[in-house]
Amino acid sequence: QYSGAWFRIAHLGPLVDYLPVNATAALLKLTPNGENLDMVEYYESNGTCYGPIFGSWLKQVNGYVKRVNIGGSIFEILDDL
């Protein structure tokens, strides 16, 4: 159960990013789903809010794999927690 603590959710930037280069902010909502986390993300670019983007964080041995479905393509990003 969530205790209200803050967590570092990204150790290294991804090699491939699904957000535009000019994105200035992003807001994530992570909801526990067993060992994994369901994700909803919004981002801001040029003063306009975009989203939602849906995805999940899949539990791995040394962290999570962030899986995002964008326009029918699935991006997977390893985040070492």
N, C-alpha and C. Protein backbone atom coordinates (compact mmCIF):
# COMPACT_ATOMS: atom_id res chain seq x y z
N GLN A 1 0.84 -1.19 0.00
CA GLN A 1 0.00 0.00 0.00
C GLN A 1 0.88 1.24 0.00
N TYR A 2 0.47 2.25 -0.73
CA TYR A 2 1.22 3.51 -0.85
C TYR A 2 1.28 4.21 0.50
N SER A 3 2.48 4.63 0.90
CA SER A 3 2.67 5.25 2.22
C SER A 3 2.80 6.76 2.16
N GLY A 4 2.71 7.35 0.97
CA GLY A 4 2.86 8.79 0.85
C GLY A 4 4.29 9.23 0.64
N ALA A 5 5.23 8.28 0.52
CA ALA A 5 6.64 8.61 0.34
C ALA A 5 6.91 8.96 -1.13
N TRP A 6 7.96 9.74 -1.34
CA TRP A 6 8.40 10.08 -2.70
C TRP A 6 9.40 9.04 -3.16
N PHE A 7 9.39 8.74 -4.44
CA PHE A 7 10.31 7.78 -5.02
C PHE A 7 11.02 8.38 -6.22
N ARG A 8 12.28 8.01 -6.42
CA ARG A 8 12.98 8.39 -7.65
C ARG A 8 12.49 7.43 -8.73
N ILE A 9 11.92 7.96 -9.80
CA ILE A 9 11.33 7.07 -10.80
C ILE A 9 12.17 6.93 -12.06
N ALA A 10 13.23 7.70 -12.19
CA ALA A 10 14.10 7.54 -13.36
C ALA A 10 15.53 7.83 -12.96
N HIS A 11 16.39 6.88 -13.17
CA HIS A 11 17.80 7.05 -12.82
C HIS A 11 18.59 7.63 -13.99
N LEU A 12 18.37 7.10 -15.17
CA LEU A 12 19.04 7.58 -16.38
C LEU A 12 18.00 7.92 -17.42
N GLY A 13 18.28 8.93 -18.23
CA GLY A 13 17.37 9.27 -19.32
C GLY A 13 17.32 8.16 -20.35
N PRO A 14 16.20 7.98 -21.01
CA PRO A 14 16.08 6.90 -22.00
C PRO A 14 16.88 7.20 -23.26
N LEU A 15 17.25 6.14 -23.98
CA LEU A 15 17.92 6.29 -25.26
C LEU A 15 16.94 6.78 -26.33
N VAL A 16 15.68 6.38 -26.20
CA VAL A 16 14.62 6.81 -27.11
C VAL A 16 13.54 7.44 -26.25
N ASP A 17 13.09 8.62 -26.64
CA ASP A 17 12.05 9.29 -25.86
C ASP A 17 10.82 9.46 -26.72
N TYR A 18 9.65 9.28 -26.17
CA TYR A 18 8.40 9.40 -26.90
C TYR A 18 7.81 10.81 -26.78
N LEU A 19 8.36 11.65 -25.89
CA LEU A 19 7.88 13.02 -25.76
C LEU A 19 8.65 13.92 -26.71
N PRO A 20 8.04 15.02 -27.17
CA PRO A 20 8.76 15.93 -28.06
C PRO A 20 9.92 16.62 -27.36
N VAL A 21 10.92 17.04 -28.13
CA VAL A 21 12.11 17.69 -27.57
C VAL A 21 11.75 18.93 -26.77
N ASN A 22 10.71 19.66 -27.18
CA ASN A 22 10.34 20.90 -26.51
C ASN A 22 9.35 20.70 -25.36
N ALA A 23 9.17 19.48 -24.88
CA ALA A 23 8.30 19.25 -23.71
C ALA A 23 8.95 19.89 -22.49
N THR A 24 8.17 20.68 -21.75
CA THR A 24 8.72 21.41 -20.61
C THR A 24 8.30 20.84 -19.27
N ALA A 25 7.27 20.00 -19.24
CA ALA A 25 6.81 19.42 -17.98
C ALA A 25 6.04 18.14 -18.28
N ALA A 26 6.03 17.24 -17.31
CA ALA A 26 5.24 16.02 -17.44
C ALA A 26 4.65 15.68 -16.08
N LEU A 27 3.45 15.15 -16.08
CA LEU A 27 2.76 14.74 -14.86
C LEU A 27 2.38 13.28 -15.01
N LEU A 28 2.79 12.46 -14.05
CA LEU A 28 2.51 11.03 -14.07
C LEU A 28 1.58 10.66 -12.93
N LYS A 29 0.65 9.77 -13.21
CA LYS A 29 -0.14 9.14 -12.15
C LYS A 29 0.16 7.65 -12.24
N LEU A 30 0.72 7.09 -11.16
CA LEU A 30 1.06 5.68 -11.10
C LEU A 30 0.12 5.00 -10.11
N THR A 31 -0.54 3.93 -10.56
CA THR A 31 -1.50 3.19 -9.74
C THR A 31 -1.02 1.75 -9.61
N PRO A 32 -0.85 1.25 -8.37
CA PRO A 32 -0.40 -0.13 -8.18
C PRO A 32 -1.35 -1.13 -8.85
N ASN A 33 -0.76 -2.13 -9.50
CA ASN A 33 -1.50 -3.21 -10.13
C ASN A 33 -0.68 -4.48 -9.93
N GLY A 34 -0.83 -5.10 -8.77
CA GLY A 34 0.02 -6.23 -8.41
C GLY A 34 1.44 -5.72 -8.20
N GLU A 35 2.45 -6.38 -8.81
CA GLU A 35 3.84 -5.92 -8.74
C GLU A 35 4.12 -4.78 -9.71
N ASN A 36 3.23 -4.55 -10.66
CA ASN A 36 3.43 -3.54 -11.70
C ASN A 36 2.69 -2.26 -11.33
N LEU A 37 2.90 -1.22 -12.15
CA LEU A 37 2.23 0.06 -11.95
C LEU A 37 1.56 0.47 -13.25
N ASP A 38 0.28 0.84 -13.18
CA ASP A 38 -0.41 1.40 -14.34
C ASP A 38 -0.09 2.88 -14.38
N MET A 39 0.10 3.44 -15.59
CA MET A 39 0.53 4.83 -15.72
C MET A 39 -0.41 5.61 -16.62
N VAL A 40 -0.68 6.86 -16.22
CA VAL A 40 -1.32 7.86 -17.07
C VAL A 40 -0.39 9.06 -17.04
N GLU A 41 -0.05 9.61 -18.21
CA GLU A 41 0.90 10.72 -18.28
C GLU A 41 0.35 11.84 -19.15
N TYR A 42 0.56 13.06 -18.68
CA TYR A 42 0.26 14.27 -19.45
C TYR A 42 1.55 15.06 -19.56
N TYR A 43 1.72 15.81 -20.64
CA TYR A 43 2.91 16.64 -20.76
C TYR A 43 2.56 17.99 -21.37
N GLU A 44 3.42 18.97 -21.15
CA GLU A 44 3.23 20.32 -21.67
C GLU A 44 4.29 20.62 -22.72
N SER A 45 3.86 21.23 -23.80
CA SER A 45 4.77 21.64 -24.87
C SER A 45 4.24 22.95 -25.46
N ASN A 46 5.09 23.97 -25.49
CA ASN A 46 4.70 25.29 -26.02
C ASN A 46 3.45 25.84 -25.35
N GLY A 47 3.32 25.62 -24.04
CA GLY A 47 2.21 26.17 -23.28
C GLY A 47 0.90 25.41 -23.42
N THR A 48 0.91 24.25 -24.09
CA THR A 48 -0.30 23.45 -24.29
C THR A 48 -0.12 22.10 -23.62
N CYS A 49 -1.17 21.63 -22.92
CA CYS A 49 -1.15 20.32 -22.26
C CYS A 49 -1.61 19.25 -23.24
N TYR A 50 -0.88 18.14 -23.31
CA TYR A 50 -1.22 17.02 -24.18
C TYR A 50 -1.37 15.75 -23.35
N GLY A 51 -2.12 14.82 -23.87
CA GLY A 51 -2.33 13.55 -23.21
C GLY A 51 -3.81 13.23 -23.17
N PRO A 52 -4.21 12.19 -22.52
CA PRO A 52 -3.36 11.30 -21.73
C PRO A 52 -2.61 10.29 -22.60
N ILE A 53 -1.46 9.88 -22.08
CA ILE A 53 -0.69 8.78 -22.63
C ILE A 53 -0.80 7.65 -21.61
N PHE A 54 -1.17 6.47 -22.06
CA PHE A 54 -1.33 5.34 -21.15
C PHE A 54 -0.16 4.38 -21.29
N GLY A 55 0.19 3.75 -20.19
CA GLY A 55 1.27 2.78 -20.21
C GLY A 55 1.31 2.01 -18.91
N SER A 56 2.41 1.31 -18.70
CA SER A 56 2.59 0.55 -17.46
C SER A 56 4.08 0.46 -17.16
N TRP A 57 4.37 0.24 -15.90
CA TRP A 57 5.74 0.00 -15.43
C TRP A 57 5.77 -1.45 -14.98
N LEU A 58 6.53 -2.28 -15.69
CA LEU A 58 6.58 -3.71 -15.43
C LEU A 58 7.76 -4.04 -14.54
N LYS A 59 7.49 -4.71 -13.42
CA LYS A 59 8.52 -5.05 -12.43
C LYS A 59 9.55 -5.99 -13.03
N GLN A 60 10.83 -5.63 -12.83
CA GLN A 60 11.96 -6.45 -13.25
C GLN A 60 12.84 -6.70 -12.01
N VAL A 61 13.89 -7.45 -12.15
CA VAL A 61 14.77 -7.76 -11.02
C VAL A 61 15.43 -6.50 -10.46
N ASN A 62 15.95 -5.63 -11.33
CA ASN A 62 16.69 -4.44 -10.87
C ASN A 62 15.97 -3.14 -11.17
N GLY A 63 14.68 -3.14 -11.26
CA GLY A 63 13.94 -1.91 -11.54
C GLY A 63 12.66 -2.20 -12.29
N TYR A 64 12.30 -1.32 -13.18
CA TYR A 64 11.07 -1.44 -13.95
C TYR A 64 11.36 -1.19 -15.43
N VAL A 65 10.52 -1.77 -16.29
CA VAL A 65 10.50 -1.41 -17.70
C VAL A 65 9.23 -0.60 -17.90
N LYS A 66 9.41 0.62 -18.41
CA LYS A 66 8.27 1.49 -18.69
C LYS A 66 7.78 1.18 -20.09
N ARG A 67 6.53 0.77 -20.21
CA ARG A 67 5.95 0.44 -21.51
C ARG A 67 4.86 1.47 -21.82
N VAL A 68 5.00 2.13 -22.96
CA VAL A 68 4.08 3.19 -23.35
C VAL A 68 3.55 2.90 -24.74
N ASN A 69 2.23 3.03 -24.93
CA ASN A 69 1.63 2.82 -26.24
C ASN A 69 1.34 4.18 -26.86
N ILE A 70 2.08 4.53 -27.92
CA ILE A 70 1.93 5.81 -28.60
C ILE A 70 1.59 5.55 -30.06
N GLY A 71 0.41 5.95 -30.46
CA GLY A 71 0.03 5.83 -31.87
C GLY A 71 0.18 4.43 -32.44
N GLY A 72 -0.13 3.42 -31.65
CA GLY A 72 -0.04 2.04 -32.10
C GLY A 72 1.35 1.43 -31.96
N SER A 73 2.34 2.23 -31.55
CA SER A 73 3.69 1.72 -31.32
C SER A 73 3.94 1.60 -29.83
N ILE A 74 4.65 0.57 -29.42
CA ILE A 74 4.96 0.38 -28.01
C ILE A 74 6.44 0.70 -27.79
N PHE A 75 6.70 1.63 -26.87
CA PHE A 75 8.06 1.97 -26.48
C PHE A 75 8.33 1.32 -25.14
N GLU A 76 9.49 0.71 -24.98
CA GLU A 76 9.89 0.16 -23.70
C GLU A 76 11.17 0.85 -23.26
N ILE A 77 11.17 1.36 -22.03
CA ILE A 77 12.28 2.11 -21.49
C ILE A 77 12.65 1.50 -20.14
N LEU A 78 13.90 1.09 -19.98
CA LEU A 78 14.35 0.52 -18.72
C LEU A 78 14.67 1.64 -17.75
N ASP A 79 14.04 1.64 -16.59
CA ASP A 79 14.31 2.61 -15.54
C ASP A 79 14.85 1.86 -14.34
N ASP A 80 16.10 2.09 -13.99
CA ASP A 80 16.77 1.43 -12.88
C ASP A 80 16.45 2.18 -11.60
N LEU A 81 15.66 1.57 -10.72
CA LEU A 81 15.26 2.24 -9.48
C LEU A 81 16.24 1.96 -8.38
